[in-house]
């Protein structure tokens, strides 16, 4: 048993089977609307560790998925604090985060910001 690396993959050489278990994939969803609920449930079914981020009180009050934590901080700060890596996906399901995503991209924290 040893620590896994991002480049590890399932291998079998006829004698030895090497499997990789972890690290667990993470999904950060920005926006706590209805679509985010469905996305979070689908991601959990695929064994992602899901976190939803939305600073708007009206959305936080309606968040009903107890199994998915809702962080009420601003997206750029929440994402930076979570230290995204190659096993982290970031999905924005909101219309008002342009400045937050721009700051993440400029900070070099998130690759391929669209």
N, C-alpha and C. Protein backbone atom coordinates (compact mmCIF):
# COMPACT_ATOMS: atom_id res chain seq x y z
N UNK A 1 0.84 -1.17 0.00
CA UNK A 1 0.00 0.00 0.00
C UNK A 1 0.89 1.23 0.00
N UNK A 2 0.62 2.16 -0.91
CA UNK A 2 1.40 3.40 -0.98
C UNK A 2 0.52 4.53 -1.49
N UNK A 3 0.97 5.73 -1.28
CA UNK A 3 0.22 6.91 -1.72
C UNK A 3 0.08 6.91 -3.24
N UNK A 4 -1.12 7.27 -3.70
CA UNK A 4 -1.37 7.33 -5.13
C UNK A 4 -0.88 8.63 -5.73
N UNK A 5 -0.67 8.59 -7.04
CA UNK A 5 -0.29 9.78 -7.79
C UNK A 5 -1.33 9.99 -8.89
N UNK A 6 -1.41 11.24 -9.37
CA UNK A 6 -2.38 11.56 -10.41
C UNK A 6 -2.17 10.68 -11.65
N UNK A 7 -0.95 10.31 -11.95
CA UNK A 7 -0.65 9.55 -13.16
C UNK A 7 -0.92 8.05 -13.03
N UNK A 8 -1.25 7.59 -11.83
CA UNK A 8 -1.52 6.16 -11.64
C UNK A 8 -2.80 5.74 -12.35
N UNK A 9 -2.84 4.49 -12.78
CA UNK A 9 -4.02 3.96 -13.42
C UNK A 9 -4.08 2.46 -13.18
N UNK A 10 -5.21 1.82 -13.51
CA UNK A 10 -5.39 0.39 -13.34
C UNK A 10 -4.43 -0.35 -14.26
N UNK A 11 -3.70 -1.30 -13.69
CA UNK A 11 -2.73 -2.09 -14.48
C UNK A 11 -2.82 -3.56 -14.11
N UNK A 12 -2.60 -4.43 -15.07
CA UNK A 12 -2.49 -5.86 -14.81
C UNK A 12 -1.44 -6.42 -15.76
N UNK A 13 -0.38 -6.99 -15.22
CA UNK A 13 0.71 -7.49 -16.05
C UNK A 13 0.68 -9.01 -16.21
N UNK A 14 -0.46 -9.65 -15.87
CA UNK A 14 -0.57 -11.09 -15.96
C UNK A 14 -0.34 -11.77 -14.62
N UNK A 15 0.31 -11.07 -13.71
CA UNK A 15 0.59 -11.61 -12.38
C UNK A 15 0.11 -10.68 -11.27
N UNK A 16 0.27 -9.39 -11.48
CA UNK A 16 -0.02 -8.42 -10.44
C UNK A 16 -1.07 -7.42 -10.93
N UNK A 17 -2.13 -7.25 -10.12
CA UNK A 17 -3.16 -6.27 -10.42
C UNK A 17 -2.94 -5.06 -9.53
N UNK A 18 -2.80 -3.91 -10.15
CA UNK A 18 -2.60 -2.66 -9.42
C UNK A 18 -3.84 -1.79 -9.61
N UNK A 19 -4.50 -1.45 -8.49
CA UNK A 19 -5.67 -0.59 -8.54
C UNK A 19 -5.39 0.69 -7.76
N UNK A 20 -6.10 1.73 -8.13
CA UNK A 20 -5.92 3.02 -7.49
C UNK A 20 -7.22 3.38 -6.77
N UNK A 21 -7.11 3.72 -5.51
CA UNK A 21 -8.28 4.10 -4.70
C UNK A 21 -8.03 5.48 -4.11
N UNK A 22 -8.51 6.50 -4.77
CA UNK A 22 -8.39 7.86 -4.27
C UNK A 22 -7.31 8.62 -5.00
N UNK A 23 -7.17 9.88 -4.79
CA UNK A 23 -8.06 10.67 -3.95
C UNK A 23 -9.43 10.84 -4.59
N UNK A 24 -10.42 11.10 -3.76
CA UNK A 24 -11.79 11.23 -4.21
C UNK A 24 -11.94 12.50 -5.05
N UNK A 25 -12.73 12.40 -6.11
CA UNK A 25 -13.02 13.56 -6.95
C UNK A 25 -13.90 14.54 -6.19
N UNK A 26 -13.67 15.83 -6.41
CA UNK A 26 -14.46 16.87 -5.76
C UNK A 26 -15.16 17.72 -6.81
N UNK A 27 -16.35 18.20 -6.46
CA UNK A 27 -17.09 19.10 -7.33
C UNK A 27 -17.51 20.30 -6.50
N UNK A 28 -17.14 21.48 -6.96
CA UNK A 28 -17.57 22.72 -6.34
C UNK A 28 -18.59 23.34 -7.28
N UNK A 29 -19.81 23.52 -6.78
CA UNK A 29 -20.87 24.12 -7.57
C UNK A 29 -21.09 25.54 -7.07
N UNK A 30 -20.98 26.50 -7.95
CA UNK A 30 -21.24 27.89 -7.58
C UNK A 30 -22.66 28.23 -8.00
N UNK A 31 -23.48 28.54 -7.01
CA UNK A 31 -24.90 28.82 -7.23
C UNK A 31 -25.73 27.73 -6.60
N UNK A 32 -26.73 28.11 -5.81
CA UNK A 32 -27.53 27.13 -5.06
C UNK A 32 -28.98 27.09 -5.56
N UNK A 33 -29.17 27.22 -6.85
CA UNK A 33 -30.51 27.18 -7.42
C UNK A 33 -30.99 25.75 -7.64
N UNK A 34 -32.13 25.63 -8.32
CA UNK A 34 -32.73 24.32 -8.56
C UNK A 34 -31.84 23.41 -9.39
N UNK A 35 -31.23 23.94 -10.42
CA UNK A 35 -30.35 23.13 -11.26
C UNK A 35 -29.17 22.59 -10.45
N UNK A 36 -28.68 23.38 -9.54
CA UNK A 36 -27.56 22.95 -8.69
C UNK A 36 -27.94 21.75 -7.83
N UNK A 37 -29.17 21.72 -7.37
CA UNK A 37 -29.63 20.57 -6.56
C UNK A 37 -29.53 19.27 -7.36
N UNK A 38 -30.03 19.32 -8.60
CA UNK A 38 -29.98 18.12 -9.44
C UNK A 38 -28.54 17.73 -9.78
N UNK A 39 -27.73 18.71 -10.09
CA UNK A 39 -26.32 18.44 -10.39
C UNK A 39 -25.62 17.82 -9.18
N UNK A 40 -25.88 18.36 -8.00
CA UNK A 40 -25.26 17.83 -6.78
C UNK A 40 -25.68 16.38 -6.53
N UNK A 41 -26.94 16.07 -6.74
CA UNK A 41 -27.42 14.70 -6.54
C UNK A 41 -26.79 13.74 -7.54
N UNK A 42 -26.66 14.17 -8.79
CA UNK A 42 -26.03 13.31 -9.79
C UNK A 42 -24.55 13.08 -9.46
N UNK A 43 -23.87 14.14 -9.04
CA UNK A 43 -22.46 14.01 -8.69
C UNK A 43 -22.27 13.09 -7.49
N UNK A 44 -23.14 13.20 -6.51
CA UNK A 44 -23.04 12.30 -5.35
C UNK A 44 -23.25 10.85 -5.76
N UNK A 45 -24.16 10.62 -6.69
CA UNK A 45 -24.39 9.25 -7.18
C UNK A 45 -23.13 8.69 -7.85
N UNK A 46 -22.27 9.58 -8.36
CA UNK A 46 -21.01 9.17 -8.97
C UNK A 46 -19.85 9.23 -7.98
N UNK A 47 -20.16 9.40 -6.70
CA UNK A 47 -19.20 9.40 -5.59
C UNK A 47 -18.28 10.62 -5.56
N UNK A 48 -18.75 11.74 -6.06
CA UNK A 48 -18.01 12.99 -5.91
C UNK A 48 -18.27 13.55 -4.51
N UNK A 49 -17.29 14.22 -3.95
CA UNK A 49 -17.49 15.01 -2.75
C UNK A 49 -17.95 16.38 -3.25
N UNK A 50 -19.18 16.77 -2.93
CA UNK A 50 -19.80 17.97 -3.50
C UNK A 50 -19.90 19.07 -2.45
N UNK A 51 -19.54 20.28 -2.85
CA UNK A 51 -19.73 21.48 -2.04
C UNK A 51 -20.42 22.51 -2.92
N UNK A 52 -21.43 23.16 -2.37
CA UNK A 52 -22.13 24.23 -3.08
C UNK A 52 -21.77 25.55 -2.42
N UNK A 53 -21.56 26.55 -3.22
CA UNK A 53 -21.17 27.87 -2.73
C UNK A 53 -22.14 28.91 -3.27
N UNK A 54 -22.74 29.68 -2.36
CA UNK A 54 -23.62 30.77 -2.78
C UNK A 54 -23.79 31.72 -1.61
N UNK A 55 -23.37 32.98 -1.75
CA UNK A 55 -23.47 33.93 -0.66
C UNK A 55 -24.87 34.56 -0.50
N UNK A 56 -25.77 34.28 -1.42
CA UNK A 56 -27.09 34.92 -1.39
C UNK A 56 -27.99 34.23 -0.36
N UNK A 57 -28.48 35.00 0.59
CA UNK A 57 -29.30 34.47 1.69
C UNK A 57 -30.59 33.81 1.19
N UNK A 58 -31.20 34.38 0.16
CA UNK A 58 -32.47 33.83 -0.31
C UNK A 58 -32.30 32.42 -0.89
N UNK A 59 -31.12 32.12 -1.43
CA UNK A 59 -30.86 30.78 -1.95
C UNK A 59 -30.44 29.84 -0.82
N UNK A 60 -29.69 30.36 0.11
CA UNK A 60 -29.27 29.54 1.25
C UNK A 60 -30.46 29.07 2.06
N UNK A 61 -31.45 29.92 2.21
CA UNK A 61 -32.64 29.58 2.99
C UNK A 61 -33.43 28.43 2.35
N UNK A 62 -33.31 28.29 1.04
CA UNK A 62 -34.06 27.24 0.33
C UNK A 62 -33.24 25.99 0.03
N UNK A 63 -31.97 25.95 0.45
CA UNK A 63 -31.14 24.78 0.17
C UNK A 63 -31.60 23.62 1.04
N UNK A 64 -32.01 22.51 0.43
CA UNK A 64 -32.64 21.41 1.16
C UNK A 64 -31.83 20.12 1.18
N UNK A 65 -30.68 20.08 0.55
CA UNK A 65 -29.89 18.84 0.52
C UNK A 65 -28.95 18.80 1.74
N UNK A 66 -29.36 18.09 2.75
CA UNK A 66 -28.55 18.01 3.97
C UNK A 66 -27.20 17.33 3.75
N UNK A 67 -27.13 16.45 2.74
CA UNK A 67 -25.89 15.71 2.49
C UNK A 67 -24.86 16.52 1.72
N UNK A 68 -25.25 17.70 1.25
CA UNK A 68 -24.34 18.56 0.49
C UNK A 68 -24.17 19.87 1.25
N UNK A 69 -22.95 20.14 1.71
CA UNK A 69 -22.73 21.39 2.46
C UNK A 69 -22.88 22.62 1.56
N UNK A 70 -23.47 23.67 2.14
CA UNK A 70 -23.61 24.95 1.45
C UNK A 70 -22.72 25.95 2.15
N UNK A 71 -21.75 26.47 1.42
CA UNK A 71 -20.86 27.49 1.95
C UNK A 71 -21.39 28.84 1.51
N UNK A 72 -21.62 29.74 2.46
CA UNK A 72 -22.22 31.04 2.16
C UNK A 72 -21.18 32.11 1.84
N UNK A 73 -19.93 31.72 1.66
CA UNK A 73 -18.89 32.68 1.31
C UNK A 73 -18.92 33.04 -0.16
N UNK A 74 -18.15 34.05 -0.52
CA UNK A 74 -18.06 34.45 -1.92
C UNK A 74 -17.25 33.41 -2.68
N UNK A 75 -17.66 33.07 -3.90
CA UNK A 75 -17.06 31.97 -4.65
C UNK A 75 -15.54 32.03 -4.77
N UNK A 76 -14.98 33.19 -5.06
CA UNK A 76 -13.54 33.24 -5.25
C UNK A 76 -12.80 32.88 -3.96
N UNK A 77 -13.30 33.31 -2.82
CA UNK A 77 -12.66 32.98 -1.55
C UNK A 77 -12.86 31.52 -1.16
N UNK A 78 -14.06 31.01 -1.40
CA UNK A 78 -14.35 29.60 -1.06
C UNK A 78 -13.47 28.66 -1.89
N UNK A 79 -13.39 28.92 -3.19
CA UNK A 79 -12.59 28.05 -4.07
C UNK A 79 -11.12 28.11 -3.67
N UNK A 80 -10.60 29.29 -3.42
CA UNK A 80 -9.20 29.41 -3.01
C UNK A 80 -8.93 28.65 -1.72
N UNK A 81 -9.86 28.73 -0.77
CA UNK A 81 -9.70 28.04 0.51
C UNK A 81 -9.73 26.52 0.35
N UNK A 82 -10.45 26.03 -0.66
CA UNK A 82 -10.54 24.58 -0.88
C UNK A 82 -9.32 24.02 -1.62
N UNK A 83 -8.46 24.89 -2.11
CA UNK A 83 -7.23 24.49 -2.80
C UNK A 83 -7.50 23.45 -3.88
N UNK A 84 -8.15 23.87 -4.97
CA UNK A 84 -8.46 22.91 -6.04
C UNK A 84 -7.20 22.28 -6.62
N UNK A 85 -7.35 21.02 -6.98
CA UNK A 85 -6.25 20.28 -7.60
C UNK A 85 -6.79 19.59 -8.85
N UNK A 86 -6.03 18.66 -9.37
CA UNK A 86 -6.42 17.97 -10.61
C UNK A 86 -7.65 17.08 -10.42
N UNK A 87 -8.04 16.83 -9.18
CA UNK A 87 -9.23 16.02 -8.90
C UNK A 87 -10.43 16.89 -8.52
N UNK A 88 -10.39 18.17 -8.88
CA UNK A 88 -11.46 19.11 -8.52
C UNK A 88 -12.07 19.70 -9.78
N UNK A 89 -13.40 19.63 -9.85
CA UNK A 89 -14.14 20.28 -10.94
C UNK A 89 -14.91 21.45 -10.35
N UNK A 90 -15.01 22.50 -11.11
CA UNK A 90 -15.72 23.71 -10.70
C UNK A 90 -16.79 24.00 -11.74
N UNK A 91 -18.05 24.07 -11.29
CA UNK A 91 -19.15 24.35 -12.20
C UNK A 91 -19.90 25.57 -11.68
N UNK A 92 -20.06 26.55 -12.54
CA UNK A 92 -20.81 27.76 -12.18
C UNK A 92 -22.22 27.64 -12.74
N UNK A 93 -23.20 27.62 -11.85
CA UNK A 93 -24.60 27.51 -12.24
C UNK A 93 -25.31 28.76 -11.72
N UNK A 94 -24.83 29.90 -12.17
CA UNK A 94 -25.39 31.19 -11.77
C UNK A 94 -25.05 32.20 -12.84
N UNK A 95 -25.73 33.31 -12.84
CA UNK A 95 -25.51 34.31 -13.89
C UNK A 95 -24.71 35.51 -13.41
N UNK A 96 -24.38 35.58 -12.14
CA UNK A 96 -23.77 36.80 -11.62
C UNK A 96 -22.43 36.59 -10.95
N UNK A 97 -21.55 35.80 -11.57
CA UNK A 97 -20.27 35.58 -10.92
C UNK A 97 -19.08 35.95 -11.79
N UNK A 98 -19.28 36.73 -12.80
CA UNK A 98 -18.20 37.06 -13.74
C UNK A 98 -16.95 37.58 -13.05
N UNK A 99 -17.11 38.48 -12.10
CA UNK A 99 -15.93 39.03 -11.44
C UNK A 99 -15.22 37.99 -10.58
N UNK A 100 -15.98 37.09 -9.96
CA UNK A 100 -15.37 36.06 -9.12
C UNK A 100 -14.54 35.08 -9.95
N UNK A 101 -15.10 34.64 -11.07
CA UNK A 101 -14.39 33.71 -11.94
C UNK A 101 -13.16 34.38 -12.54
N UNK A 102 -13.29 35.64 -12.92
CA UNK A 102 -12.14 36.37 -13.47
C UNK A 102 -11.00 36.41 -12.46
N UNK A 103 -11.32 36.66 -11.20
CA UNK A 103 -10.27 36.69 -10.17
C UNK A 103 -9.63 35.32 -9.98
N UNK A 104 -10.41 34.26 -10.06
CA UNK A 104 -9.85 32.91 -9.93
C UNK A 104 -8.90 32.62 -11.08
N UNK A 105 -9.31 32.98 -12.29
CA UNK A 105 -8.45 32.75 -13.45
C UNK A 105 -7.16 33.53 -13.38
N UNK A 106 -7.23 34.79 -12.96
CA UNK A 106 -6.03 35.63 -12.84
C UNK A 106 -5.10 35.13 -11.76
N UNK A 107 -5.66 34.55 -10.72
CA UNK A 107 -4.85 34.02 -9.63
C UNK A 107 -4.16 32.72 -10.01
N UNK A 108 -4.53 32.17 -11.17
CA UNK A 108 -3.92 30.91 -11.60
C UNK A 108 -4.44 29.71 -10.83
N UNK A 109 -5.57 29.89 -10.14
CA UNK A 109 -6.12 28.82 -9.33
C UNK A 109 -6.93 27.85 -10.14
N UNK A 110 -7.60 28.35 -11.17
CA UNK A 110 -8.46 27.53 -11.98
C UNK A 110 -7.98 27.58 -13.43
N UNK A 111 -7.72 26.42 -14.01
CA UNK A 111 -7.33 26.34 -15.42
C UNK A 111 -8.57 26.29 -16.29
N UNK A 112 -8.43 26.74 -17.50
CA UNK A 112 -9.49 26.64 -18.51
C UNK A 112 -10.77 27.31 -18.07
N UNK A 113 -10.69 28.53 -17.57
CA UNK A 113 -11.88 29.28 -17.18
C UNK A 113 -12.61 29.69 -18.44
N UNK A 114 -13.87 29.33 -18.53
CA UNK A 114 -14.69 29.64 -19.71
C UNK A 114 -15.78 30.60 -19.32
